[in-house]
Amino acid sequence: MLNEMFNEAVPFIILGNKSDLTPQEISTEEILQKQIEINSIIFSVSAKTKQNIEEAFTFAAHRIFNVI
């Protein structure tokens, strides 16, 4: 359903925040299952530590650049 709303030029990326906290509320298996289900990329990020923030936006920029 989400893929129908967006075309290939707009990557659909989910950022799961608060990855610096333990324990994680969502398991790695659940994340991978959702990623496959919606045909998307999911980044576990932390605004506090800046973990994976730059990587997520760099990934999005590369996907957009490669499609255009």
Protein backbone atom coordinates (compact mmCIF):
# COMPACT_ATOMS: atom_id res chain seq x y z
CA MET A 1 0.00 0.00 0.00
CA LEU A 2 2.74 2.47 0.88
CA ASN A 3 4.64 1.63 -2.29
CA GLU A 4 1.55 2.61 -4.29
CA MET A 5 1.63 6.08 -2.72
CA PHE A 6 5.24 6.75 -3.65
CA ASN A 7 7.07 6.23 -6.89
CA GLU A 8 10.63 4.93 -7.23
CA ALA A 9 12.11 8.44 -7.19
CA VAL A 10 11.18 8.84 -3.54
CA PRO A 11 12.81 6.24 -1.32
CA PHE A 12 10.65 5.09 1.56
CA ILE A 13 12.89 4.92 4.61
CA ILE A 14 11.87 4.33 8.20
CA LEU A 15 14.01 5.75 11.00
CA GLY A 16 13.57 3.91 14.28
CA ASN A 17 14.63 6.41 16.93
CA LYS A 18 16.10 5.90 20.41
CA SER A 19 18.44 3.07 19.42
CA ASP A 20 20.71 4.24 22.25
CA LEU A 21 18.23 2.91 24.84
CA THR A 22 18.23 -0.64 26.12
CA PRO A 23 16.45 -2.91 25.99
CA GLN A 24 15.12 -2.40 22.50
CA GLU A 25 11.33 -2.60 22.31
CA ILE A 26 11.36 -4.02 18.79
CA SER A 27 13.44 -7.06 17.94
CA THR A 28 15.79 -7.31 14.98
CA GLU A 29 13.54 -10.03 13.56
CA GLU A 30 10.51 -7.71 13.69
CA ILE A 31 12.48 -4.96 11.96
CA LEU A 32 13.64 -7.29 9.18
CA GLN A 33 10.13 -8.68 8.72
CA LYS A 34 8.64 -5.18 8.38
CA GLN A 35 11.43 -4.14 6.00
CA ILE A 36 10.58 -7.04 3.69
CA GLU A 37 6.83 -6.50 4.07
CA ILE A 38 6.94 -2.86 2.95
CA ASN A 39 9.93 -3.22 0.60
CA SER A 40 11.84 -0.49 2.34
CA ILE A 41 14.93 0.27 4.36
CA ILE A 42 14.83 0.70 8.11
CA PHE A 43 17.58 2.50 10.02
CA SER A 44 17.89 2.30 13.79
CA VAL A 45 18.97 5.79 14.79
CA SER A 46 19.65 7.87 17.86
CA ALA A 47 19.14 11.61 17.87
CA LYS A 48 21.02 11.75 21.17
CA THR A 49 24.21 10.04 19.95
CA LYS A 50 23.66 10.82 16.23
CA GLN A 51 24.04 7.11 15.47
CA ASN A 52 23.13 6.32 11.83
CA ILE A 53 21.60 9.76 11.20
CA GLU A 54 24.11 10.77 8.52
CA GLU A 55 24.06 7.29 7.01
CA ALA A 56 20.28 7.36 6.63
CA PHE A 57 20.22 10.71 4.88
CA THR A 58 23.20 9.80 2.71
CA PHE A 59 21.40 6.60 1.68
CA ALA A 60 18.27 8.58 0.78
CA ALA A 61 20.27 11.09 -1.25
CA HIS A 62 22.05 8.35 -3.18
CA ARG A 63 18.77 6.54 -3.93
CA ILE A 64 17.18 9.75 -5.23
CA PHE A 65 20.28 10.66 -7.25
CA ASN A 66 20.50 7.21 -8.84
CA VAL A 67 16.83 7.23 -9.91
CA ILE A 68 16.80 10.72 -11.38
